[in-house]
């Protein structure tokens, strides 16, 4: 996977550029090995990096998008900033584990609820529209007269409308609860 090159006594690992997945997988593997070196660092991220390596095939599409956008840009080749884009993006991915999972789960739940509410509003608006159309049709064809005002009764109110005759005279009664 990684190819060793000798340059002036330094060993440099060249990443395979055969496919975006192989490149990114080797890149992550190299980072993990550097973290696990003589003086281990970022130990809490090792499982995340290992998981990214294990699931590299599932990450084909994002890896391809990275390579399509930034080419095979290795941080040890070329010049800044062009050679550091992929490194920075991949680092952001594995360092994103720092974010609270509860916050992310709540945001997902809130987003799902917003989408459901939006769908419900559309359904209710459609239902209201058809009922208003039907009411207007009945007023036009039935001979009943449309009231000059509209009213809204709170479902938690102790005011209950009561029809007292067929002419749709509405009176209010207060009920004791």
C-alpha atoms as a PDB file:
ATOM      1  CA  UNK A   1       0.000   0.000   0.000  1.00  0.00           C
ATOM      2  CA  UNK A   2       2.646   2.545   1.019  1.00  0.00           C
ATOM      3  CA  UNK A   3       5.796   2.769  -1.048  1.00  0.00           C
ATOM      4  CA  UNK A   4       9.116   3.701   0.566  1.00  0.00           C
ATOM      5  CA  UNK A   5      11.469   6.097  -1.175  1.00  0.00           C
ATOM      6  CA  UNK A   6      15.003   6.966  -0.119  1.00  0.00           C
ATOM      7  CA  UNK A   7      15.685  10.709  -0.381  1.00  0.00           C
ATOM      8  CA  UNK A   8      18.892  12.031   1.141  1.00  0.00           C
ATOM      9  CA  UNK A   9      18.733   9.517   3.979  1.00  0.00           C
ATOM     10  CA  UNK A  10      15.081  10.253   4.820  1.00  0.00           C
ATOM     11  CA  UNK A  11      12.428   7.620   4.342  1.00  0.00           C
ATOM     12  CA  UNK A  12       9.289   9.087   2.772  1.00  0.00           C
ATOM     13  CA  UNK A  13       6.133   7.116   2.204  1.00  0.00           C
ATOM     14  CA  UNK A  14       4.626   7.654  -1.235  1.00  0.00           C
ATOM     15  CA  UNK A  15       0.885   7.155  -1.381  1.00  0.00           C
ATOM     16  CA  UNK A  16      -0.663   5.027  -4.132  1.00  0.00           C
ATOM     17  CA  UNK A  17      -2.459   7.094  -6.749  1.00  0.00           C
ATOM     18  CA  UNK A  18      -4.301   4.227  -8.421  1.00  0.00           C
ATOM     19  CA  UNK A  19      -7.733   5.056  -6.972  1.00  0.00           C
ATOM     20  CA  UNK A  20      -9.058   7.779  -4.666  1.00  0.00           C
ATOM     21  CA  UNK A  21     -10.075   5.140  -2.104  1.00  0.00           C
ATOM     22  CA  UNK A  22      -6.600   3.577  -2.001  1.00  0.00           C
ATOM     23  CA  UNK A  23      -4.988   7.020  -1.768  1.00  0.00           C
ATOM     24  CA  UNK A  24      -7.197   8.196   1.122  1.00  0.00           C
ATOM     25  CA  UNK A  25      -6.996   4.852   2.904  1.00  0.00           C
ATOM     26  CA  UNK A  26      -3.161   4.924   2.695  1.00  0.00           C
ATOM     27  CA  UNK A  27      -3.188   8.562   3.805  1.00  0.00           C
ATOM     28  CA  UNK A  28      -5.238   7.720   6.910  1.00  0.00           C
ATOM     29  CA  UNK A  29      -3.070   4.641   7.597  1.00  0.00           C
ATOM     30  CA  UNK A  30       0.072   6.794   7.436  1.00  0.00           C
ATOM     31  CA  UNK A  31      -1.457   9.329   9.844  1.00  0.00           C
ATOM     32  CA  UNK A  32      -2.427   6.553  12.248  1.00  0.00           C
ATOM     33  CA  UNK A  33       1.091   5.106  12.150  1.00  0.00           C
ATOM     34  CA  UNK A  34       2.581   8.544  12.816  1.00  0.00           C
ATOM     35  CA  UNK A  35       0.253   8.962  15.817  1.00  0.00           C
ATOM     36  CA  UNK A  36       1.328   5.541  17.100  1.00  0.00           C
ATOM     37  CA  UNK A  37       5.050   6.326  16.712  1.00  0.00           C
ATOM     38  CA  UNK A  38       7.746   6.359  19.385  1.00  0.00           C
ATOM     39  CA  UNK A  39       5.866   9.003  21.344  1.00  0.00           C
ATOM     40  CA  UNK A  40       2.198   8.121  20.836  1.00  0.00           C
ATOM     41  CA  UNK A  41      -0.228  10.993  20.427  1.00  0.00           C
ATOM     42  CA  UNK A  42      -3.970  11.425  19.851  1.00  0.00           C
ATOM     43  CA  UNK A  43      -4.714   7.951  21.238  1.00  0.00           C
ATOM     44  CA  UNK A  44      -8.420   8.704  21.562  1.00  0.00           C
ATOM     45  CA  UNK A  45      -8.554   9.108  17.752  1.00  0.00           C
ATOM     46  CA  UNK A  46      -6.907   5.786  16.917  1.00  0.00           C
ATOM     47  CA  UNK A  47     -10.210   3.844  16.924  1.00  0.00           C
ATOM     48  CA  UNK A  48     -11.756   6.455  14.627  1.00  0.00           C
ATOM     49  CA  UNK A  49      -8.874   6.231  12.160  1.00  0.00           C
ATOM     50  CA  UNK A  50      -8.989   2.431  12.290  1.00  0.00           C
ATOM     51  CA  UNK A  51     -12.725   2.534  11.611  1.00  0.00           C
ATOM     52  CA  UNK A  52     -12.221   4.872   8.639  1.00  0.00           C
ATOM     53  CA  UNK A  53      -9.657   2.439   7.233  1.00  0.00           C
ATOM     54  CA  UNK A  54     -11.997  -0.535   7.777  1.00  0.00           C
ATOM     55  CA  UNK A  55     -14.904   1.242   6.089  1.00  0.00           C
ATOM     56  CA  UNK A  56     -12.911   2.786   3.242  1.00  0.00           C
ATOM     57  CA  UNK A  57     -15.007   0.977   0.638  1.00  0.00           C
ATOM     58  CA  UNK A  58     -18.138   2.619   2.037  1.00  0.00           C
ATOM     59  CA  UNK A  59     -16.407   5.995   1.747  1.00  0.00           C
ATOM     60  CA  UNK A  60     -15.603   5.644  -1.968  1.00  0.00           C
ATOM     61  CA  UNK A  61     -17.848   8.502  -3.007  1.00  0.00           C
ATOM     62  CA  UNK A  62     -16.547  11.136  -0.560  1.00  0.00           C
ATOM     63  CA  UNK A  63     -12.955  10.047  -1.254  1.00  0.00           C
ATOM     64  CA  UNK A  64     -13.600  10.402  -4.996  1.00  0.00           C
ATOM     65  CA  UNK A  65     -15.074  13.866  -4.476  1.00  0.00           C
ATOM     66  CA  UNK A  66     -11.989  14.898  -2.494  1.00  0.00           C
ATOM     67  CA  UNK A  67      -9.607  13.690  -5.194  1.00  0.00           C
ATOM     68  CA  UNK A  68     -11.735  15.184  -7.978  1.00  0.00           C
ATOM     69  CA  UNK A  69     -11.628  18.546  -6.228  1.00  0.00           C
ATOM     70  CA  UNK A  70      -8.024  18.590  -4.932  1.00  0.00           C
ATOM     71  CA  UNK A  71      -6.286  15.888  -6.999  1.00  0.00           C
ATOM     72  CA  UNK A  72      -3.846  13.489  -5.330  1.00  0.00           C
ATOM     73  CA  UNK A  73      -2.457  16.209  -3.061  1.00  0.00           C
ATOM     74  CA  UNK A  74      -0.198  14.746  -0.395  1.00  0.00           C
ATOM     75  CA  UNK A  75       0.946  17.026   2.426  1.00  0.00           C
ATOM     76  CA  UNK A  76       4.559  15.899   1.838  1.00  0.00           C
ATOM     77  CA  UNK A  77       4.491  16.769  -1.857  1.00  0.00           C
ATOM     78  CA  UNK A  78       4.074  20.143  -3.537  1.00  0.00           C
ATOM     79  CA  UNK A  79       3.695  23.473  -1.801  1.00  0.00           C
ATOM     80  CA  UNK A  80       1.235  24.925   0.694  1.00  0.00           C
ATOM     81  CA  UNK A  81      -1.653  25.465   0.675  1.00  0.00           C
ATOM     82  CA  UNK A  82      -2.489  23.164  -2.278  1.00  0.00           C
ATOM     83  CA  UNK A  83      -0.734  20.179  -0.717  1.00  0.00           C
ATOM     84  CA  UNK A  84      -2.658  20.366   2.567  1.00  0.00           C
ATOM     85  CA  UNK A  85      -6.320  20.465   1.545  1.00  0.00           C
ATOM     86  CA  UNK A  86      -6.990  16.718   1.701  1.00  0.00           C
ATOM     87  CA  UNK A  87      -5.030  16.392   4.940  1.00  0.00           C
ATOM     88  CA  UNK A  88      -7.064  19.192   6.562  1.00  0.00           C
ATOM     89  CA  UNK A  89     -10.404  17.824   5.379  1.00  0.00           C
ATOM     90  CA  UNK A  90      -9.638  14.290   6.557  1.00  0.00           C
ATOM     91  CA  UNK A  91      -8.398  15.652   9.888  1.00  0.00           C
ATOM     92  CA  UNK A  92     -11.662  17.535  10.297  1.00  0.00           C
ATOM     93  CA  UNK A  93     -13.496  14.259   9.769  1.00  0.00           C
ATOM     94  CA  UNK A  94     -11.704  12.298  12.467  1.00  0.00           C
ATOM     95  CA  UNK A  95     -11.501  15.230  14.864  1.00  0.00           C
ATOM     96  CA  UNK A  96     -15.273  15.716  14.522  1.00  0.00           C
ATOM     97  CA  UNK A  97     -15.616  13.008  17.179  1.00  0.00           C
ATOM     98  CA  UNK A  98     -15.017  15.834  19.659  1.00  0.00           C
ATOM     99  CA  UNK A  99     -18.525  17.097  19.079  1.00  0.00           C
ATOM    100  CA  UNK A 100     -21.100  15.909  21.559  1.00  0.00           C
ATOM    101  CA  UNK A 101     -23.068  12.991  20.211  1.00  0.00           C
ATOM    102  CA  UNK A 102     -26.075  14.149  22.235  1.00  0.00           C
ATOM    103  CA  UNK A 103     -26.009  17.530  20.486  1.00  0.00           C
ATOM    104  CA  UNK A 104     -25.806  15.862  17.092  1.00  0.00           C
ATOM    105  CA  UNK A 105     -28.615  13.447  17.951  1.00  0.00           C
ATOM    106  CA  UNK A 106     -30.795  16.310  19.218  1.00  0.00           C
ATOM    107  CA  UNK A 107     -30.113  18.316  16.058  1.00  0.00           C
ATOM    108  CA  UNK A 108     -31.057  15.306  13.915  1.00  0.00           C
ATOM    109  CA  UNK A 109     -34.214  14.770  15.956  1.00  0.00           C
ATOM    110  CA  UNK A 110     -35.153  18.464  15.693  1.00  0.00           C
ATOM    111  CA  UNK A 111     -34.499  18.422  11.939  1.00  0.00           C
ATOM    112  CA  UNK A 112     -36.667  15.318  11.531  1.00  0.00           C
ATOM    113  CA  UNK A 113     -39.447  16.942  13.568  1.00  0.00           C
ATOM    114  CA  UNK A 114     -39.225  20.114  11.455  1.00  0.00           C
ATOM    115  CA  UNK A 115     -39.588  18.052   8.281  1.00  0.00           C
ATOM    116  CA  UNK A 116     -42.570  16.160   9.713  1.00  0.00           C
ATOM    117  CA  UNK A 117     -44.206  19.414  10.829  1.00  0.00           C
ATOM    118  CA  UNK A 118     -43.679  20.843   7.351  1.00  0.00           C
ATOM    119  CA  UNK A 119     -45.359  17.805   5.799  1.00  0.00           C
ATOM    120  CA  UNK A 120     -48.234  18.037   8.306  1.00  0.00           C
ATOM    121  CA  UNK A 121     -48.703  21.737   7.557  1.00  0.00           C
ATOM    122  CA  UNK A 122     -48.932  21.000   3.838  1.00  0.00           C
ATOM    123  CA  UNK A 123     -51.518  18.262   4.480  1.00  0.00           C
ATOM    124  CA  UNK A 124     -53.538  20.485   6.819  1.00  0.00           C
ATOM    125  CA  UNK A 125     -53.385  23.411   4.387  1.00  0.00           C
ATOM    126  CA  UNK A 126     -54.660  21.165   1.616  1.00  0.00           C
ATOM    127  CA  UNK A 127     -57.456  19.857   3.843  1.00  0.00           C
ATOM    128  CA  UNK A 128     -58.378  23.404   4.955  1.00  0.00           C
ATOM    129  CA  UNK A 129     -58.408  24.585   1.358  1.00  0.00           C
ATOM    130  CA  UNK A 130     -60.795  21.841   0.289  1.00  0.00           C
ATOM    131  CA  UNK A 131     -63.077  22.493   3.288  1.00  0.00           C
ATOM    132  CA  UNK A 132     -63.144  26.243   2.605  1.00  0.00           C
ATOM    133  CA  UNK A 133     -63.985  25.505  -1.034  1.00  0.00           C
ATOM    134  CA  UNK A 134     -66.795  23.151   0.033  1.00  0.00           C
ATOM    135  CA  UNK A 135     -68.157  25.712   2.525  1.00  0.00           C
ATOM    136  CA  UNK A 136     -68.136  28.451  -0.101  1.00  0.00           C
ATOM    137  CA  UNK A 137     -69.966  26.109  -2.487  1.00  0.00           C
ATOM    138  CA  UNK A 138     -72.601  25.315   0.160  1.00  0.00           C
ATOM    139  CA  UNK A 139     -73.161  29.004   0.924  1.00  0.00           C
ATOM    140  CA  UNK A 140     -73.643  29.672  -2.790  1.00  0.00           C
ATOM    141  CA  UNK A 141     -76.042  26.782  -3.429  1.00  0.00           C
ATOM    142  CA  UNK A 142     -77.891  26.149  -0.141  1.00  0.00           C
ATOM    143  CA  UNK A 143     -79.584  29.450   0.549  1.00  0.00           C
ATOM    144  CA  UNK A 144     -77.823  29.937   3.868  1.00  0.00           C
ATOM    145  CA  UNK A 145     -76.256  33.319   4.418  1.00  0.00           C
ATOM    146  CA  UNK A 146     -72.630  33.722   5.229  1.00  0.00           C
ATOM    147  CA  UNK A 147     -71.936  35.440   8.588  1.00  0.00           C
ATOM    148  CA  UNK A 148     -70.388  38.896   8.412  1.00  0.00           C
ATOM    149  CA  UNK A 149     -67.585  37.901  10.769  1.00  0.00           C
ATOM    150  CA  UNK A 150     -65.331  34.978  11.524  1.00  0.00           C
ATOM    151  CA  UNK A 151     -64.594  33.653  14.979  1.00  0.00           C
ATOM    152  CA  UNK A 152     -62.077  31.329  16.507  1.00  0.00           C
ATOM    153  CA  UNK A 153     -62.919  29.242  19.530  1.00  0.00           C
ATOM    154  CA  UNK A 154     -59.995  28.083  21.623  1.00  0.00           C
ATOM    155  CA  UNK A 155     -60.381  24.359  22.253  1.00  0.00           C
ATOM    156  CA  UNK A 156     -59.333  24.910  25.873  1.00  0.00           C
ATOM    157  CA  UNK A 157     -61.816  27.727  26.417  1.00  0.00           C
ATOM    158  CA  UNK A 158     -64.930  27.322  28.519  1.00  0.00           C
ATOM    159  CA  UNK A 159     -66.929  29.127  25.803  1.00  0.00           C
ATOM    160  CA  UNK A 160     -68.991  26.716  23.701  1.00  0.00           C
ATOM    161  CA  UNK A 161     -70.902  27.797  20.590  1.00  0.00           C
ATOM    162  CA  UNK A 162     -74.577  26.833  20.515  1.00  0.00           C
ATOM    163  CA  UNK A 163     -76.859  26.986  17.502  1.00  0.00           C
ATOM    164  CA  UNK A 164     -80.302  28.180  18.652  1.00  0.00           C
ATOM    165  CA  UNK A 165     -82.198  28.108  15.363  1.00  0.00           C
ATOM    166  CA  UNK A 166     -81.828  27.206  11.706  1.00  0.00           C
ATOM    167  CA  UNK A 167     -80.884  30.737  10.712  1.00  0.00           C
ATOM    168  CA  UNK A 168     -77.461  30.040  12.230  1.00  0.00           C
ATOM    169  CA  UNK A 169     -77.832  32.533  15.026  1.00  0.00           C
ATOM    170  CA  UNK A 170     -74.892  31.817  17.302  1.00  0.00           C
ATOM    171  CA  UNK A 171     -74.955  32.482  21.003  1.00  0.00           C
ATOM    172  CA  UNK A 172     -72.303  31.741  23.588  1.00  0.00           C
ATOM    173  CA  UNK A 173     -72.747  29.875  26.792  1.00  0.00           C
ATOM    174  CA  UNK A 174     -70.210  29.776  29.579  1.00  0.00           C
ATOM    175  CA  UNK A 175     -69.817  26.365  31.102  1.00  0.00           C
ATOM    176  CA  UNK A 176     -68.423  25.826  34.521  1.00  0.00           C
ATOM    177  CA  UNK A 177     -65.497  23.399  34.582  1.00  0.00           C
END
